[in-house]
N, C-alpha and C. Protein backbone atom coordinates (compact mmCIF):
# COMPACT_ATOMS: atom_id res chain seq x y z
N UNK A 1 24.98 -68.74 83.58
CA UNK A 1 25.12 -67.33 83.89
C UNK A 1 26.43 -67.04 84.62
N UNK A 2 26.74 -67.91 85.62
CA UNK A 2 27.97 -67.69 86.38
C UNK A 2 29.20 -67.91 85.51
N UNK A 3 29.12 -68.89 84.58
CA UNK A 3 30.23 -69.13 83.65
C UNK A 3 30.45 -67.90 82.79
N UNK A 4 29.37 -67.32 82.29
CA UNK A 4 29.47 -66.13 81.46
C UNK A 4 30.06 -64.95 82.24
N UNK A 5 29.61 -64.79 83.47
CA UNK A 5 30.15 -63.72 84.31
C UNK A 5 31.63 -63.92 84.56
N UNK A 6 32.01 -65.16 84.88
CA UNK A 6 33.42 -65.46 85.14
C UNK A 6 34.26 -65.20 83.89
N UNK A 7 33.73 -65.59 82.72
CA UNK A 7 34.45 -65.34 81.47
C UNK A 7 34.59 -63.85 81.20
N UNK A 8 33.55 -63.09 81.48
CA UNK A 8 33.62 -61.64 81.27
C UNK A 8 34.62 -60.99 82.21
N UNK A 9 34.69 -61.46 83.45
CA UNK A 9 35.67 -60.93 84.40
C UNK A 9 37.08 -61.25 83.90
N UNK A 10 37.29 -62.47 83.43
CA UNK A 10 38.61 -62.84 82.89
C UNK A 10 38.99 -61.96 81.70
N UNK A 11 38.02 -61.73 80.80
CA UNK A 11 38.29 -60.89 79.63
C UNK A 11 38.63 -59.47 80.06
N UNK A 12 37.91 -58.97 81.07
CA UNK A 12 38.19 -57.62 81.56
C UNK A 12 39.58 -57.53 82.17
N UNK A 13 39.96 -58.53 82.95
CA UNK A 13 41.29 -58.53 83.57
C UNK A 13 42.37 -58.61 82.49
N UNK A 14 42.16 -59.48 81.50
CA UNK A 14 43.15 -59.58 80.41
C UNK A 14 43.24 -58.26 79.65
N UNK A 15 42.09 -57.63 79.42
CA UNK A 15 42.07 -56.33 78.75
C UNK A 15 42.85 -55.30 79.55
N UNK A 16 42.69 -55.31 80.88
CA UNK A 16 43.44 -54.38 81.73
C UNK A 16 44.95 -54.60 81.59
N UNK A 17 45.37 -55.86 81.52
CA UNK A 17 46.79 -56.17 81.41
C UNK A 17 47.39 -55.63 80.12
N UNK A 18 46.55 -55.52 79.10
CA UNK A 18 47.03 -55.10 77.79
C UNK A 18 47.03 -53.58 77.59
N UNK A 19 46.50 -52.82 78.53
CA UNK A 19 46.49 -51.37 78.39
C UNK A 19 47.92 -50.85 78.31
N UNK A 20 48.14 -49.90 77.45
CA UNK A 20 49.47 -49.34 77.24
C UNK A 20 49.69 -48.18 78.22
N UNK A 21 49.99 -48.52 79.45
CA UNK A 21 50.22 -47.53 80.49
C UNK A 21 51.02 -48.18 81.61
N UNK A 22 51.41 -47.38 82.57
CA UNK A 22 52.19 -47.92 83.69
C UNK A 22 51.28 -48.71 84.62
N UNK A 23 51.82 -49.68 85.36
CA UNK A 23 51.01 -50.42 86.33
C UNK A 23 50.35 -49.49 87.35
N UNK A 24 51.07 -48.44 87.76
CA UNK A 24 50.49 -47.48 88.72
C UNK A 24 49.26 -46.81 88.12
N UNK A 25 49.38 -46.34 86.89
CA UNK A 25 48.29 -45.62 86.25
C UNK A 25 47.07 -46.51 86.03
N UNK A 26 47.30 -47.75 85.61
CA UNK A 26 46.18 -48.68 85.41
C UNK A 26 45.50 -48.98 86.74
N UNK A 27 46.30 -49.29 87.76
CA UNK A 27 45.75 -49.60 89.07
C UNK A 27 45.02 -48.40 89.67
N UNK A 28 45.57 -47.22 89.48
CA UNK A 28 44.91 -46.02 89.99
C UNK A 28 43.60 -45.76 89.24
N UNK A 29 43.59 -46.03 87.95
CA UNK A 29 42.36 -45.88 87.18
C UNK A 29 41.27 -46.80 87.68
N UNK A 30 41.63 -48.06 87.96
CA UNK A 30 40.66 -49.01 88.51
C UNK A 30 40.19 -48.55 89.88
N UNK A 31 41.11 -48.07 90.70
CA UNK A 31 40.75 -47.61 92.05
C UNK A 31 39.80 -46.40 91.99
N UNK A 32 40.11 -45.43 91.15
CA UNK A 32 39.24 -44.26 91.00
C UNK A 32 37.88 -44.69 90.46
N UNK A 33 37.88 -45.57 89.47
CA UNK A 33 36.63 -46.06 88.90
C UNK A 33 35.78 -46.80 89.93
N UNK A 34 36.43 -47.60 90.77
CA UNK A 34 35.69 -48.34 91.80
C UNK A 34 35.09 -47.37 92.82
N UNK A 35 35.90 -46.40 93.25
CA UNK A 35 35.39 -45.43 94.22
C UNK A 35 34.16 -44.72 93.67
N UNK A 36 34.24 -44.24 92.44
CA UNK A 36 33.11 -43.53 91.84
C UNK A 36 31.93 -44.48 91.65
N UNK A 37 32.19 -45.73 91.30
CA UNK A 37 31.11 -46.71 91.11
C UNK A 37 30.33 -46.92 92.40
N UNK A 38 30.98 -46.78 93.53
CA UNK A 38 30.30 -46.99 94.81
C UNK A 38 29.41 -45.81 95.20
N UNK A 39 29.63 -44.65 94.62
CA UNK A 39 28.83 -43.48 94.97
C UNK A 39 27.52 -43.49 94.20
N UNK A 40 26.45 -42.97 94.78
CA UNK A 40 25.15 -42.96 94.10
C UNK A 40 25.08 -41.86 93.03
N UNK A 41 25.89 -42.04 92.00
CA UNK A 41 25.98 -41.05 90.91
C UNK A 41 25.77 -41.70 89.56
N UNK A 42 24.98 -42.76 89.52
CA UNK A 42 24.73 -43.49 88.28
C UNK A 42 24.27 -42.52 87.18
N UNK A 43 24.86 -42.65 86.03
CA UNK A 43 24.54 -41.77 84.92
C UNK A 43 25.58 -40.67 84.74
N UNK A 44 26.33 -40.39 85.78
CA UNK A 44 27.37 -39.35 85.73
C UNK A 44 28.75 -39.93 86.01
N UNK A 45 28.82 -41.22 86.27
CA UNK A 45 30.06 -41.81 86.77
C UNK A 45 31.23 -41.69 85.80
N UNK A 46 31.00 -41.94 84.54
CA UNK A 46 32.12 -41.84 83.58
C UNK A 46 32.59 -40.39 83.44
N UNK A 47 31.68 -39.45 83.50
CA UNK A 47 32.07 -38.03 83.46
C UNK A 47 32.88 -37.66 84.70
N UNK A 48 32.48 -38.19 85.85
CA UNK A 48 33.22 -37.92 87.09
C UNK A 48 34.62 -38.49 87.01
N UNK A 49 34.75 -39.73 86.51
CA UNK A 49 36.08 -40.34 86.37
C UNK A 49 36.93 -39.54 85.38
N UNK A 50 36.34 -39.14 84.26
CA UNK A 50 37.09 -38.34 83.28
C UNK A 50 37.58 -37.03 83.90
N UNK A 51 36.72 -36.40 84.70
CA UNK A 51 37.10 -35.16 85.38
C UNK A 51 38.21 -35.42 86.39
N UNK A 52 38.04 -36.45 87.24
CA UNK A 52 39.05 -36.75 88.26
C UNK A 52 40.39 -37.14 87.64
N UNK A 53 40.34 -37.81 86.49
CA UNK A 53 41.60 -38.25 85.87
C UNK A 53 42.44 -37.08 85.37
N UNK A 54 41.85 -35.90 85.28
CA UNK A 54 42.65 -34.73 84.92
C UNK A 54 43.54 -34.28 86.08
N UNK A 55 43.16 -34.64 87.31
CA UNK A 55 43.90 -34.21 88.49
C UNK A 55 44.66 -35.35 89.16
N UNK A 56 44.21 -36.57 88.94
CA UNK A 56 44.86 -37.74 89.52
C UNK A 56 45.53 -38.49 88.38
N UNK A 57 46.78 -38.85 88.56
CA UNK A 57 47.50 -39.57 87.51
C UNK A 57 46.96 -41.00 87.42
N UNK A 58 45.99 -41.20 86.54
CA UNK A 58 45.39 -42.52 86.41
C UNK A 58 44.95 -42.76 84.97
N UNK A 59 44.75 -44.01 84.65
CA UNK A 59 44.31 -44.40 83.32
C UNK A 59 42.81 -44.19 83.23
N UNK A 60 42.40 -43.25 82.42
CA UNK A 60 40.99 -42.88 82.28
C UNK A 60 40.17 -44.06 81.74
N UNK A 61 40.73 -44.80 80.80
CA UNK A 61 40.02 -45.93 80.20
C UNK A 61 39.72 -47.00 81.24
N UNK A 62 40.70 -47.33 82.07
CA UNK A 62 40.48 -48.33 83.12
C UNK A 62 39.43 -47.85 84.12
N UNK A 63 39.47 -46.56 84.45
CA UNK A 63 38.50 -46.01 85.39
C UNK A 63 37.09 -46.01 84.83
N UNK A 64 36.95 -45.58 83.58
CA UNK A 64 35.61 -45.54 82.96
C UNK A 64 35.04 -46.94 82.78
N UNK A 65 35.87 -47.92 82.51
CA UNK A 65 35.38 -49.29 82.39
C UNK A 65 34.97 -49.84 83.75
N UNK A 66 35.68 -49.49 84.79
CA UNK A 66 35.40 -50.02 86.12
C UNK A 66 34.11 -49.49 86.70
N UNK A 67 33.70 -48.28 86.34
CA UNK A 67 32.46 -47.74 86.90
C UNK A 67 31.25 -48.55 86.50
N UNK A 68 31.37 -49.37 85.46
CA UNK A 68 30.24 -50.19 85.04
C UNK A 68 29.94 -51.32 86.02
N UNK A 69 30.72 -51.38 87.10
CA UNK A 69 30.37 -52.29 88.19
C UNK A 69 28.96 -51.98 88.68
N UNK A 70 28.64 -50.69 88.74
CA UNK A 70 27.27 -50.31 89.04
C UNK A 70 26.62 -49.89 87.74
N UNK A 71 25.55 -50.55 87.41
CA UNK A 71 24.79 -50.31 86.20
C UNK A 71 23.32 -50.42 86.57
N UNK A 72 22.41 -50.23 85.64
CA UNK A 72 20.99 -50.29 86.02
C UNK A 72 20.57 -51.60 86.69
N UNK A 73 21.28 -52.69 86.44
CA UNK A 73 20.92 -53.96 87.07
C UNK A 73 21.52 -54.13 88.47
N UNK A 74 22.69 -53.55 88.69
CA UNK A 74 23.37 -53.77 89.97
C UNK A 74 23.31 -52.58 90.92
N UNK A 75 22.84 -51.44 90.45
CA UNK A 75 22.90 -50.21 91.26
C UNK A 75 22.17 -50.34 92.59
N UNK A 76 20.92 -50.78 92.55
CA UNK A 76 20.16 -50.85 93.80
C UNK A 76 20.79 -51.78 94.83
N UNK A 77 21.19 -53.01 94.46
CA UNK A 77 21.85 -53.86 95.48
C UNK A 77 23.15 -53.24 96.02
N UNK A 78 23.94 -52.63 95.14
CA UNK A 78 25.19 -52.01 95.59
C UNK A 78 24.89 -50.83 96.52
N UNK A 79 23.96 -49.99 96.12
CA UNK A 79 23.61 -48.83 96.96
C UNK A 79 23.00 -49.26 98.28
N UNK A 80 22.22 -50.32 98.27
CA UNK A 80 21.63 -50.79 99.53
C UNK A 80 22.72 -51.34 100.45
N UNK A 81 23.70 -52.05 99.89
CA UNK A 81 24.83 -52.54 100.71
C UNK A 81 25.60 -51.35 101.30
N UNK A 82 25.82 -50.32 100.49
CA UNK A 82 26.49 -49.12 100.99
C UNK A 82 25.67 -48.45 102.09
N UNK A 83 24.36 -48.39 101.88
CA UNK A 83 23.46 -47.81 102.88
C UNK A 83 23.53 -48.60 104.18
N UNK A 84 23.49 -49.93 104.09
CA UNK A 84 23.57 -50.76 105.30
C UNK A 84 24.90 -50.55 106.03
N UNK A 85 25.98 -50.46 105.26
CA UNK A 85 27.29 -50.19 105.88
C UNK A 85 27.27 -48.83 106.57
N UNK A 86 26.68 -47.85 105.92
CA UNK A 86 26.60 -46.52 106.52
C UNK A 86 25.77 -46.50 107.79
N UNK A 87 24.62 -47.19 107.79
CA UNK A 87 23.80 -47.22 109.01
C UNK A 87 24.52 -47.96 110.13
N UNK A 88 25.26 -49.02 109.77
CA UNK A 88 26.00 -49.76 110.80
C UNK A 88 27.11 -48.89 111.38
N UNK A 89 27.86 -48.20 110.53
CA UNK A 89 28.96 -47.36 111.01
C UNK A 89 28.45 -46.16 111.81
N UNK A 90 27.30 -45.63 111.43
CA UNK A 90 26.72 -44.47 112.13
C UNK A 90 25.80 -44.89 113.28
N UNK A 91 25.67 -46.19 113.47
CA UNK A 91 24.81 -46.76 114.53
C UNK A 91 23.37 -46.26 114.41
N UNK A 92 22.86 -46.39 113.18
CA UNK A 92 21.48 -46.00 112.91
C UNK A 92 20.67 -47.25 112.57
N UNK A 93 19.38 -47.15 112.69
CA UNK A 93 18.51 -48.27 112.34
C UNK A 93 18.20 -48.18 110.85
N UNK A 94 18.51 -49.25 110.08
CA UNK A 94 18.27 -49.19 108.64
C UNK A 94 16.79 -49.42 108.30
N UNK A 95 16.41 -48.91 107.12
CA UNK A 95 15.07 -49.18 106.61
C UNK A 95 15.12 -50.51 105.86
N UNK A 96 13.98 -51.04 105.51
CA UNK A 96 13.91 -52.32 104.81
C UNK A 96 14.32 -52.14 103.34
N UNK A 97 14.65 -53.26 102.71
CA UNK A 97 14.97 -53.27 101.29
C UNK A 97 13.81 -52.69 100.48
N UNK A 98 12.60 -53.07 100.84
CA UNK A 98 11.42 -52.61 100.10
C UNK A 98 11.30 -51.10 100.14
N UNK A 99 11.48 -50.50 101.32
CA UNK A 99 11.39 -49.05 101.44
C UNK A 99 12.52 -48.36 100.67
N UNK A 100 13.71 -48.94 100.74
CA UNK A 100 14.85 -48.38 100.03
C UNK A 100 14.59 -48.40 98.52
N UNK A 101 14.09 -49.52 98.01
CA UNK A 101 13.79 -49.63 96.59
C UNK A 101 12.70 -48.64 96.21
N UNK A 102 11.71 -48.52 97.07
CA UNK A 102 10.60 -47.60 96.79
C UNK A 102 11.10 -46.16 96.62
N UNK A 103 12.09 -45.77 97.40
CA UNK A 103 12.64 -44.43 97.31
C UNK A 103 13.31 -44.18 95.95
N UNK A 104 13.97 -45.23 95.41
CA UNK A 104 14.70 -45.09 94.15
C UNK A 104 13.89 -45.51 92.94
N UNK A 105 12.83 -46.24 93.14
CA UNK A 105 12.12 -46.91 92.06
C UNK A 105 11.75 -46.00 90.90
N UNK A 106 11.18 -44.88 91.15
CA UNK A 106 10.74 -44.00 90.07
C UNK A 106 11.87 -43.53 89.18
N UNK A 107 13.04 -43.40 89.71
CA UNK A 107 14.14 -42.87 88.92
C UNK A 107 14.95 -43.95 88.24
N UNK A 108 15.40 -44.94 88.98
CA UNK A 108 16.33 -45.91 88.42
C UNK A 108 15.66 -47.00 87.59
N UNK A 109 14.46 -47.40 87.96
CA UNK A 109 13.87 -48.55 87.31
C UNK A 109 12.92 -48.15 86.18
N UNK A 110 12.01 -47.23 86.45
CA UNK A 110 10.96 -46.95 85.48
C UNK A 110 11.24 -45.76 84.58
N UNK A 111 12.19 -44.95 84.91
CA UNK A 111 12.47 -43.80 84.05
C UNK A 111 13.63 -44.13 83.13
N UNK A 112 13.83 -43.32 82.16
CA UNK A 112 14.95 -43.49 81.24
C UNK A 112 16.12 -42.65 81.77
N UNK A 113 16.78 -43.19 82.81
CA UNK A 113 17.85 -42.46 83.49
C UNK A 113 18.96 -42.08 82.52
N UNK A 114 19.19 -42.89 81.51
CA UNK A 114 20.27 -42.62 80.57
C UNK A 114 19.97 -41.41 79.68
N UNK A 115 18.69 -41.00 79.60
CA UNK A 115 18.36 -39.81 78.84
C UNK A 115 18.39 -38.56 79.70
N UNK A 116 18.39 -38.75 81.00
CA UNK A 116 18.41 -37.63 81.93
C UNK A 116 19.53 -37.88 82.94
N UNK A 117 20.70 -37.32 82.67
CA UNK A 117 21.88 -37.61 83.48
C UNK A 117 21.72 -37.20 84.94
N UNK A 118 20.85 -36.28 85.23
CA UNK A 118 20.71 -35.81 86.61
C UNK A 118 19.59 -36.52 87.37
N UNK A 119 19.01 -37.56 86.78
CA UNK A 119 17.89 -38.27 87.41
C UNK A 119 18.30 -38.87 88.75
N UNK A 120 19.48 -39.48 88.80
CA UNK A 120 19.91 -40.10 90.06
C UNK A 120 20.17 -39.05 91.12
N UNK A 121 20.77 -37.92 90.72
CA UNK A 121 21.00 -36.85 91.70
C UNK A 121 19.68 -36.36 92.28
N UNK A 122 18.67 -36.25 91.43
CA UNK A 122 17.35 -35.84 91.93
C UNK A 122 16.78 -36.89 92.88
N UNK A 123 16.96 -38.16 92.54
CA UNK A 123 16.45 -39.23 93.40
C UNK A 123 17.15 -39.20 94.75
N UNK A 124 18.47 -39.04 94.74
CA UNK A 124 19.21 -38.97 96.01
C UNK A 124 18.82 -37.71 96.76
N UNK A 125 18.58 -36.62 96.05
CA UNK A 125 18.15 -35.38 96.69
C UNK A 125 16.79 -35.49 97.34
N UNK A 126 15.93 -36.34 96.78
CA UNK A 126 14.61 -36.54 97.36
C UNK A 126 14.63 -37.45 98.58
N UNK A 127 15.73 -38.20 98.73
CA UNK A 127 15.81 -39.09 99.88
C UNK A 127 15.84 -38.28 101.16
N UNK A 128 15.27 -38.84 102.18
CA UNK A 128 15.34 -38.17 103.47
C UNK A 128 16.77 -38.23 103.97
N UNK A 129 17.09 -37.37 104.90
CA UNK A 129 18.44 -37.36 105.47
C UNK A 129 18.75 -38.70 106.14
N UNK A 130 17.72 -39.38 106.64
CA UNK A 130 17.93 -40.68 107.27
C UNK A 130 18.42 -41.72 106.27
N UNK A 131 18.10 -41.55 105.00
CA UNK A 131 18.58 -42.48 103.98
C UNK A 131 19.81 -41.95 103.26
N UNK A 132 19.80 -40.68 102.88
CA UNK A 132 20.90 -40.12 102.08
C UNK A 132 22.20 -40.06 102.87
N UNK A 133 22.14 -39.68 104.13
CA UNK A 133 23.36 -39.58 104.94
C UNK A 133 24.10 -40.90 105.04
N UNK A 134 23.42 -41.97 105.52
CA UNK A 134 24.10 -43.26 105.60
C UNK A 134 24.51 -43.81 104.23
N UNK A 135 23.71 -43.53 103.20
CA UNK A 135 24.05 -44.00 101.87
C UNK A 135 25.37 -43.39 101.40
N UNK A 136 25.50 -42.08 101.50
CA UNK A 136 26.73 -41.42 101.09
C UNK A 136 27.90 -41.81 101.98
N UNK A 137 27.67 -41.88 103.28
CA UNK A 137 28.76 -42.24 104.19
C UNK A 137 29.25 -43.66 103.90
N UNK A 138 28.32 -44.60 103.77
CA UNK A 138 28.70 -45.97 103.45
C UNK A 138 29.36 -46.09 102.10
N UNK A 139 28.88 -45.32 101.13
CA UNK A 139 29.47 -45.33 99.79
C UNK A 139 30.92 -44.86 99.81
N UNK A 140 31.18 -43.79 100.53
CA UNK A 140 32.54 -43.25 100.61
C UNK A 140 33.46 -44.22 101.35
N UNK A 141 33.01 -44.76 102.47
CA UNK A 141 33.85 -45.68 103.25
C UNK A 141 34.15 -46.95 102.45
N UNK A 142 33.11 -47.60 101.91
CA UNK A 142 33.34 -48.82 101.14
C UNK A 142 34.10 -48.52 99.85
N UNK A 143 33.83 -47.36 99.25
CA UNK A 143 34.55 -46.98 98.04
C UNK A 143 36.04 -46.79 98.30
N UNK A 144 36.38 -46.11 99.38
CA UNK A 144 37.79 -45.91 99.72
C UNK A 144 38.48 -47.22 100.08
N UNK A 145 37.81 -48.05 100.88
CA UNK A 145 38.41 -49.33 101.27
C UNK A 145 38.62 -50.22 100.05
N UNK A 146 37.61 -50.34 99.21
CA UNK A 146 37.73 -51.17 98.02
C UNK A 146 38.74 -50.61 97.02
N UNK A 147 38.77 -49.29 96.88
CA UNK A 147 39.72 -48.67 95.96
C UNK A 147 41.15 -48.93 96.41
N UNK A 148 41.39 -48.81 97.70
CA UNK A 148 42.74 -49.07 98.22
C UNK A 148 43.17 -50.51 97.98
N UNK A 149 42.27 -51.44 98.27
CA UNK A 149 42.59 -52.85 98.06
C UNK A 149 42.79 -53.16 96.58
N UNK A 150 41.92 -52.63 95.74
CA UNK A 150 42.04 -52.87 94.30
C UNK A 150 43.31 -52.27 93.72
N UNK A 151 43.72 -51.11 94.22
CA UNK A 151 44.96 -50.51 93.71
C UNK A 151 46.13 -51.47 93.93
N UNK A 152 46.24 -51.98 95.14
CA UNK A 152 47.36 -52.89 95.47
C UNK A 152 47.28 -54.16 94.62
N UNK A 153 46.09 -54.76 94.55
CA UNK A 153 45.92 -56.02 93.81
C UNK A 153 46.19 -55.82 92.32
N UNK A 154 45.56 -54.83 91.72
CA UNK A 154 45.70 -54.63 90.27
C UNK A 154 47.14 -54.28 89.91
N UNK A 155 47.78 -53.45 90.70
CA UNK A 155 49.17 -53.09 90.40
C UNK A 155 50.07 -54.33 90.42
N UNK A 156 49.91 -55.17 91.45
CA UNK A 156 50.73 -56.39 91.54
C UNK A 156 50.42 -57.35 90.39
N UNK A 157 49.16 -57.49 90.02
CA UNK A 157 48.79 -58.39 88.94
C UNK A 157 49.33 -57.89 87.60
N UNK A 158 49.25 -56.59 87.35
CA UNK A 158 49.78 -56.04 86.10
C UNK A 158 51.29 -56.24 86.04
N UNK A 159 51.99 -55.96 87.12
CA UNK A 159 53.45 -56.15 87.14
C UNK A 159 53.80 -57.61 86.92
N UNK A 160 53.12 -58.53 87.62
CA UNK A 160 53.40 -59.96 87.47
C UNK A 160 53.11 -60.43 86.05
N UNK A 161 52.02 -59.97 85.48
CA UNK A 161 51.66 -60.36 84.11
C UNK A 161 52.72 -59.86 83.13
N UNK A 162 53.14 -58.64 83.29
CA UNK A 162 54.13 -58.08 82.36
C UNK A 162 55.48 -58.77 82.49
N UNK A 163 55.86 -59.12 83.71
CA UNK A 163 57.12 -59.86 83.89
C UNK A 163 57.04 -61.24 83.25
N UNK A 164 55.92 -61.93 83.45
CA UNK A 164 55.74 -63.26 82.86
C UNK A 164 55.73 -63.15 81.34
N UNK A 165 55.07 -62.14 80.81
CA UNK A 165 55.02 -61.94 79.37
C UNK A 165 56.42 -61.65 78.83
N UNK A 166 57.19 -60.85 79.55
CA UNK A 166 58.56 -60.53 79.12
C UNK A 166 59.43 -61.78 79.14
N UNK A 167 59.30 -62.62 80.19
CA UNK A 167 60.07 -63.87 80.24
C UNK A 167 59.69 -64.78 79.08
N UNK A 168 58.42 -64.83 78.76
CA UNK A 168 57.95 -65.66 77.65
C UNK A 168 58.55 -65.17 76.33
N UNK A 169 58.55 -63.85 76.12
CA UNK A 169 59.11 -63.29 74.90
C UNK A 169 60.61 -63.56 74.81
N UNK A 170 61.32 -63.42 75.93
CA UNK A 170 62.76 -63.67 75.94
C UNK A 170 63.06 -65.13 75.65
N UNK A 171 62.26 -66.04 76.22
CA UNK A 171 62.46 -67.47 75.97
C UNK A 171 62.20 -67.80 74.50
N UNK A 172 61.19 -67.18 73.91
CA UNK A 172 60.90 -67.41 72.50
C UNK A 172 62.03 -66.88 71.63
N UNK A 173 62.58 -65.74 72.00
CA UNK A 173 63.68 -65.17 71.25
C UNK A 173 64.91 -66.07 71.31
N UNK A 174 65.20 -66.65 72.48
CA UNK A 174 66.33 -67.55 72.64
C UNK A 174 66.12 -68.80 71.79
N UNK A 175 64.89 -69.35 71.80
CA UNK A 175 64.61 -70.55 71.00
C UNK A 175 64.78 -70.27 69.51
N UNK A 176 64.34 -69.10 69.07
CA UNK A 176 64.45 -68.76 67.64
C UNK A 176 65.89 -68.52 67.22
N UNK A 177 66.71 -68.01 68.13
CA UNK A 177 68.10 -67.68 67.76
C UNK A 177 69.06 -68.84 68.01
N UNK A 178 68.57 -69.95 68.57
CA UNK A 178 69.45 -71.09 68.84
C UNK A 178 69.81 -71.78 67.52
N UNK A 179 71.03 -72.32 67.42
CA UNK A 179 71.43 -73.02 66.18
C UNK A 179 70.61 -74.31 66.03
N UNK A 180 70.36 -74.73 64.80
CA UNK A 180 69.57 -75.94 64.60
C UNK A 180 70.31 -77.19 65.08
N UNK A 181 69.54 -78.20 65.51
CA UNK A 181 70.15 -79.47 65.94
C UNK A 181 70.32 -80.39 64.72
N UNK A 182 70.60 -81.69 64.94
CA UNK A 182 70.87 -82.60 63.84
C UNK A 182 69.69 -82.75 62.89
N UNK A 183 68.46 -82.63 63.39
CA UNK A 183 67.28 -82.79 62.53
C UNK A 183 66.92 -81.49 61.81
N UNK A 184 67.67 -80.43 61.99
CA UNK A 184 67.40 -79.17 61.35
C UNK A 184 66.41 -78.30 62.10
N UNK A 185 66.01 -78.75 63.30
CA UNK A 185 65.07 -77.97 64.11
C UNK A 185 65.87 -77.11 65.09
N UNK A 186 65.32 -75.97 65.47
CA UNK A 186 66.03 -75.17 66.47
C UNK A 186 66.18 -75.96 67.75
N UNK A 187 67.36 -75.94 68.32
CA UNK A 187 67.56 -76.69 69.56
C UNK A 187 67.05 -75.88 70.73
N UNK A 188 66.54 -76.60 71.71
CA UNK A 188 66.13 -75.94 72.96
C UNK A 188 66.43 -76.89 74.10
N UNK A 189 66.35 -76.39 75.27
CA UNK A 189 66.70 -77.17 76.46
C UNK A 189 65.80 -78.38 76.64
N UNK A 190 64.52 -78.30 76.28
CA UNK A 190 63.59 -79.38 76.50
C UNK A 190 63.92 -80.59 75.62
N UNK A 191 64.28 -80.35 74.37
CA UNK A 191 64.60 -81.45 73.48
C UNK A 191 65.82 -82.21 74.01
N UNK A 192 66.80 -81.48 74.51
CA UNK A 192 68.00 -82.12 75.05
C UNK A 192 67.66 -82.89 76.31
N UNK A 193 66.74 -82.41 77.11
CA UNK A 193 66.38 -83.09 78.36
C UNK A 193 65.59 -84.36 78.05
N UNK A 194 64.82 -84.39 76.96
CA UNK A 194 64.01 -85.55 76.63
C UNK A 194 64.85 -86.73 76.19
N UNK A 195 66.06 -86.49 75.70
CA UNK A 195 66.90 -87.59 75.18
C UNK A 195 67.60 -88.30 76.27
């Protein structure tokens, strides 16, 4: 399972590197997508990213792909972590995992949330202020912190990948344009060093 997850993360990162956009736009798309993924808006997240991308210069595709960080399998653990962060920052006493799950259970687990886009909003609306306040506060704080960190990391990785790819292409072009050696093969620096 962990191998599969690691492979999927690698494929996603490689896919991000191949997007035809500026490093800023790709990184901003990931940052916006991460921020939205942290908010308890499951079922509406891609629409929110698409809407925000009209006002923020970011890659909509990267943002919509990143929101899948929270999905029906990961939403409750992510939201509970956000809730715990919110209670800690607001100096409130948190409820147990069981009570938190019980509050969301009818909407996220047993209902067909994907058929009713507003199901999560109704579930969050039914939460008491003691749960909804810290959940939203923690979601915004962790979302902003993670989005900021991801913007810097993704931008640097995209730039580094593109520079390495460009150097590779230039080296291949030099090898192809080099005159052939005595054996009729294109000469390159490595063959000369081996002799």
